[in-house]
């Protein structure tokens, strides 16, 4: 796909910066609490498809008081978001076309799980609906002590469809995921940590430094070994012990060959 420049991103409400091996995606609509639109999701997908090869860490953060308050509510109105339409404007399309539109949006979230990168969500304030799902799309979540998660979609008559349901169930278990989604209640930072929705909770003013420290620690590991290990861990739940052991053998053979080739 074609690249996307800074001016386009600014119009959409995003910033994208690369500093060596660390890329930072900033949701930059603080006046709208970083509400997301169709354009947000398309831009996230394009960033993923054009991620520079040297990048190992991707940080996703929000400008202002909130990480992301979810989808832009104008998408529920007949007029929609200027230049982007609304949910209602898509209703005349056939089911296959509508599913394809959702699949396109999901691409903005799926790439954050790639084995060759580690993605970190830096979450402050509200992470609602699509914001919660964007945080769940990341491998790791560092939370400010004012972070608040909520899966709002069922309360709006919708389902969470931006790839958030599987990681939510994997992290908190099926019963708790059902309770959280169907009540659409708010989960604050302390409980989120207890539920494994975050790896760390820090004071709001220390959030960025905590993310930088985590990124530095992650970068201390050999890239090839980190990629292979993440791939192993991602596949572990779907394998038996014997299958996982075989996967470990295959990965280790490749690592040893790579190490000896360097020598």
Protein backbone atom coordinates (compact mmCIF):
# COMPACT_ATOMS: atom_id res chain seq x y z
CA UNK A 1 0.00 0.00 0.00
CA UNK A 2 1.05 3.59 -0.43
CA UNK A 3 2.74 5.36 2.44
CA UNK A 4 1.06 8.06 4.49
CA UNK A 5 2.77 11.34 5.27
CA UNK A 6 2.78 13.45 8.42
CA UNK A 7 0.33 15.99 7.04
CA UNK A 8 -2.23 13.30 6.20
CA UNK A 9 -1.79 11.76 9.62
CA UNK A 10 -2.24 15.13 11.31
CA UNK A 11 -5.52 15.65 9.46
CA UNK A 12 -6.71 12.22 10.63
CA UNK A 13 -5.51 12.87 14.18
CA UNK A 14 -2.40 10.69 14.39
CA UNK A 15 1.34 11.16 14.74
CA UNK A 16 3.97 8.60 13.77
CA UNK A 17 7.61 8.95 14.77
CA UNK A 18 10.58 6.59 14.53
CA UNK A 19 13.62 6.92 16.77
CA UNK A 20 16.06 4.14 15.97
CA UNK A 21 14.42 0.83 16.85
CA UNK A 22 11.39 2.43 18.55
CA UNK A 23 8.32 3.68 16.69
CA UNK A 24 5.65 5.74 18.46
CA UNK A 25 2.07 6.06 17.26
CA UNK A 26 0.22 8.89 19.00
CA UNK A 27 -3.54 9.31 18.85
CA UNK A 28 -3.65 13.08 18.53
CA UNK A 29 -7.21 14.36 18.85
CA UNK A 30 -7.12 15.46 22.51
CA UNK A 31 -10.13 17.75 22.05
CA UNK A 32 -12.13 14.63 21.06
CA UNK A 33 -10.40 12.44 23.68
CA UNK A 34 -8.70 10.68 20.76
CA UNK A 35 -11.93 9.26 19.35
CA UNK A 36 -11.32 6.94 16.40
CA UNK A 37 -12.83 6.97 12.91
CA UNK A 38 -12.72 4.88 9.74
CA UNK A 39 -9.73 7.00 8.71
CA UNK A 40 -7.92 6.21 11.98
CA UNK A 41 -8.16 2.48 11.33
CA UNK A 42 -7.07 2.75 7.70
CA UNK A 43 -4.10 4.88 8.71
CA UNK A 44 -3.07 2.43 11.43
CA UNK A 45 -3.11 -0.36 8.85
CA UNK A 46 -0.95 1.66 6.46
CA UNK A 47 1.54 2.41 9.23
CA UNK A 48 1.81 -1.32 9.92
CA UNK A 49 2.30 -2.19 6.28
CA UNK A 50 5.04 0.41 5.91
CA UNK A 51 6.77 -0.02 9.26
CA UNK A 52 10.53 0.55 8.82
CA UNK A 53 12.48 -2.68 9.02
CA UNK A 54 14.71 -1.58 11.90
CA UNK A 55 11.75 -1.07 14.26
CA UNK A 56 11.54 -3.57 17.11
CA UNK A 57 9.28 -1.72 19.57
CA UNK A 58 6.00 0.04 18.74
CA UNK A 59 4.53 2.31 21.41
CA UNK A 60 0.88 3.34 21.08
CA UNK A 61 -0.11 6.34 23.17
CA UNK A 62 -2.74 9.05 23.39
CA UNK A 63 -2.26 12.82 23.57
CA UNK A 64 -4.07 14.63 26.36
CA UNK A 65 -6.19 13.29 29.22
CA UNK A 66 -7.35 10.05 27.57
CA UNK A 67 -5.79 7.18 25.66
CA UNK A 68 -8.92 6.89 23.49
CA UNK A 69 -12.57 7.36 24.33
CA UNK A 70 -13.58 4.94 21.56
CA UNK A 71 -15.22 5.64 18.25
CA UNK A 72 -16.23 9.11 17.17
CA UNK A 73 -19.92 9.34 18.02
CA UNK A 74 -20.58 11.19 14.76
CA UNK A 75 -20.24 7.79 13.10
CA UNK A 76 -23.64 6.94 14.59
CA UNK A 77 -25.36 9.96 13.04
CA UNK A 78 -26.86 10.02 9.53
CA UNK A 79 -24.33 12.67 8.50
CA UNK A 80 -21.34 10.78 9.87
CA UNK A 81 -17.78 12.08 9.90
CA UNK A 82 -17.13 14.59 7.10
CA UNK A 83 -15.60 12.79 4.15
CA UNK A 84 -15.93 9.37 5.80
CA UNK A 85 -19.63 8.66 6.09
CA UNK A 86 -21.33 6.81 8.94
CA UNK A 87 -22.38 3.34 9.98
CA UNK A 88 -25.82 4.05 8.56
CA UNK A 89 -24.36 4.92 5.15
CA UNK A 90 -22.94 1.39 4.93
CA UNK A 91 -26.25 -0.37 5.56
CA UNK A 92 -27.20 -0.44 1.89
CA UNK A 93 -24.19 -2.64 1.14
CA UNK A 94 -24.45 -6.43 0.99
CA UNK A 95 -23.24 -8.53 3.94
CA UNK A 96 -20.00 -9.53 2.25
CA UNK A 97 -19.07 -5.91 1.53
CA UNK A 98 -19.91 -4.88 5.09
CA UNK A 99 -17.77 -7.71 6.47
CA UNK A 100 -14.93 -6.59 4.24
CA UNK A 101 -15.21 -3.08 5.66
CA UNK A 102 -14.84 -4.49 9.17
CA UNK A 103 -11.92 -6.65 8.04
CA UNK A 104 -10.19 -3.54 6.69
CA UNK A 105 -10.61 -1.80 10.04
CA UNK A 106 -9.27 -4.86 11.86
CA UNK A 107 -6.04 -4.68 9.85
CA UNK A 108 -5.17 -1.55 11.81
CA UNK A 109 -5.06 -3.67 14.98
CA UNK A 110 -3.85 -7.11 13.88
CA UNK A 111 -0.33 -6.11 12.80
CA UNK A 112 0.54 -4.98 16.33
CA UNK A 113 0.87 -8.68 17.27
CA UNK A 114 3.58 -9.45 14.70
CA UNK A 115 6.35 -11.67 16.14
CA UNK A 116 9.14 -9.38 14.92
CA UNK A 117 7.98 -6.44 17.07
CA UNK A 118 6.80 -5.90 20.63
CA UNK A 119 3.94 -3.43 20.95
CA UNK A 120 3.30 -1.45 24.12
CA UNK A 121 0.15 0.53 24.91
CA UNK A 122 0.76 3.49 27.22
CA UNK A 123 -2.70 3.99 28.70
CA UNK A 124 -3.85 7.00 30.64
CA UNK A 125 -7.40 8.12 31.37
CA UNK A 126 -10.20 6.52 29.39
CA UNK A 127 -9.68 3.55 27.08
CA UNK A 128 -13.24 2.90 25.97
CA UNK A 129 -14.56 0.53 23.30
CA UNK A 130 -12.23 0.87 20.33
CA UNK A 131 -9.69 2.44 22.69
CA UNK A 132 -9.81 -0.61 24.95
CA UNK A 133 -9.46 -2.87 21.92
CA UNK A 134 -6.45 -0.90 20.65
CA UNK A 135 -4.78 -1.41 24.03
CA UNK A 136 -5.67 -5.12 23.89
CA UNK A 137 -4.13 -5.36 20.41
CA UNK A 138 -0.75 -4.53 21.95
CA UNK A 139 1.46 -7.17 23.54
CA UNK A 140 1.95 -5.20 26.74
CA UNK A 141 0.08 -2.45 28.56
CA UNK A 142 1.59 0.07 30.95
CA UNK A 143 -1.14 1.91 32.84
CA UNK A 144 -1.26 5.28 34.50
CA UNK A 145 -3.03 5.16 37.85
CA UNK A 146 -5.99 7.01 36.32
CA UNK A 147 -6.54 4.46 33.51
CA UNK A 148 -10.11 3.29 32.97
CA UNK A 149 -11.13 0.44 30.66
CA UNK A 150 -14.65 -0.18 29.36
CA UNK A 151 -15.98 -2.40 26.55
CA UNK A 152 -18.86 -0.16 25.57
CA UNK A 153 -20.00 -1.75 22.30
CA UNK A 154 -22.73 -4.07 23.70
CA UNK A 155 -24.32 -1.10 25.48
CA UNK A 156 -24.54 0.59 22.07
CA UNK A 157 -26.19 -2.44 20.47
CA UNK A 158 -22.96 -3.59 18.81
CA UNK A 159 -20.28 -6.21 19.41
CA UNK A 160 -16.56 -5.56 19.93
CA UNK A 161 -15.17 -6.23 16.45
CA UNK A 162 -11.70 -4.69 16.42
CA UNK A 163 -9.95 -7.93 17.46
CA UNK A 164 -10.37 -7.33 21.19
CA UNK A 165 -12.51 -10.29 22.25
CA UNK A 166 -9.85 -13.02 22.05
CA UNK A 167 -7.12 -11.20 24.01
CA UNK A 168 -9.71 -10.16 26.59
CA UNK A 169 -10.81 -13.78 27.14
CA UNK A 170 -7.20 -14.98 27.10
CA UNK A 171 -6.27 -12.45 29.80
CA UNK A 172 -9.23 -12.43 32.18
CA UNK A 173 -11.05 -15.69 31.40
CA UNK A 174 -14.46 -16.25 29.83
CA UNK A 175 -16.73 -15.54 32.84
CA UNK A 176 -15.05 -12.23 33.66
CA UNK A 177 -14.98 -11.21 29.99
CA UNK A 178 -18.73 -11.86 29.72
CA UNK A 179 -19.37 -9.85 32.88
CA UNK A 180 -17.22 -6.92 31.75
CA UNK A 181 -18.64 -6.72 28.23
CA UNK A 182 -22.31 -7.29 28.99
CA UNK A 183 -22.38 -4.81 31.86
CA UNK A 184 -20.13 -2.35 30.00
CA UNK A 185 -18.76 -1.35 33.40
CA UNK A 186 -15.59 0.63 33.98
CA UNK A 187 -12.49 -1.22 35.17
CA UNK A 188 -10.02 1.10 36.87
CA UNK A 189 -6.24 0.71 36.97
CA UNK A 190 -5.93 -1.23 40.24
CA UNK A 191 -8.48 -3.86 39.18
CA UNK A 192 -7.06 -3.93 35.65
CA UNK A 193 -3.67 -4.89 37.07
CA UNK A 194 -5.28 -7.63 39.17
CA UNK A 195 -7.09 -8.94 36.07
CA UNK A 196 -3.82 -8.99 34.07
CA UNK A 197 -5.02 -6.24 31.72
CA UNK A 198 -1.83 -4.35 32.46
CA UNK A 199 1.73 -5.31 33.32
CA UNK A 200 2.44 -2.22 35.41
CA UNK A 201 0.60 0.71 37.01
CA UNK A 202 2.50 3.94 37.62
CA UNK A 203 1.62 7.52 38.60
CA UNK A 204 0.37 9.50 35.62
CA UNK A 205 3.47 11.67 35.48
CA UNK A 206 5.74 8.63 35.27
CA UNK A 207 3.95 6.85 32.41
CA UNK A 208 6.25 7.82 29.55
CA UNK A 209 9.42 7.09 31.52
CA UNK A 210 8.06 3.68 32.53
CA UNK A 211 7.38 2.87 28.88
CA UNK A 212 10.87 4.04 27.88
CA UNK A 213 12.41 1.86 30.58
CA UNK A 214 10.40 -1.17 29.43
CA UNK A 215 11.35 -0.57 25.80
CA UNK A 216 15.03 -0.37 26.73
CA UNK A 217 14.82 -3.66 28.62
CA UNK A 218 13.10 -5.35 25.68
CA UNK A 219 15.75 -4.08 23.26
CA UNK A 220 18.49 -5.67 25.35
CA UNK A 221 17.50 -9.10 23.97
CA UNK A 222 18.85 -10.43 20.66
CA UNK A 223 16.33 -9.62 17.95
CA UNK A 224 16.29 -13.04 16.34
CA UNK A 225 15.87 -14.77 19.69
CA UNK A 226 13.16 -12.31 20.72
CA UNK A 227 11.19 -12.89 17.50
CA UNK A 228 11.46 -16.66 17.75
CA UNK A 229 10.52 -16.67 21.43
CA UNK A 230 7.48 -14.45 20.89
CA UNK A 231 6.38 -16.73 18.06
CA UNK A 232 6.71 -19.74 20.38
CA UNK A 233 4.75 -18.06 23.16
CA UNK A 234 1.99 -16.91 20.82
CA UNK A 235 1.42 -20.46 19.60
CA UNK A 236 1.67 -22.16 22.99
CA UNK A 237 -2.01 -22.02 23.97
CA UNK A 238 -3.10 -23.77 20.80
CA UNK A 239 -0.61 -26.63 21.11
CA UNK A 240 -0.27 -29.71 23.28
CA UNK A 241 2.88 -30.07 25.38
CA UNK A 242 4.34 -32.43 22.80
CA UNK A 243 3.53 -30.04 19.95
CA UNK A 244 5.05 -27.13 21.84
CA UNK A 245 8.20 -29.14 22.55
CA UNK A 246 8.50 -29.89 18.83
CA UNK A 247 8.03 -26.21 18.01
CA UNK A 248 10.77 -25.35 20.49
CA UNK A 249 13.10 -27.81 18.79
CA UNK A 250 12.44 -26.34 15.36
CA UNK A 251 12.99 -22.77 16.54
CA UNK A 252 16.15 -23.71 18.44
CA UNK A 253 17.69 -25.42 15.43
CA UNK A 254 17.22 -22.24 13.42
CA UNK A 255 18.65 -20.09 16.22
CA UNK A 256 21.72 -22.30 16.57
CA UNK A 257 22.31 -22.24 12.81
CA UNK A 258 22.05 -18.45 12.83
CA UNK A 259 24.47 -18.13 15.74
CA UNK A 260 27.05 -20.47 14.23
CA UNK A 261 26.74 -18.73 10.86
CA UNK A 262 27.79 -15.47 12.54
CA UNK A 263 30.92 -17.15 13.85
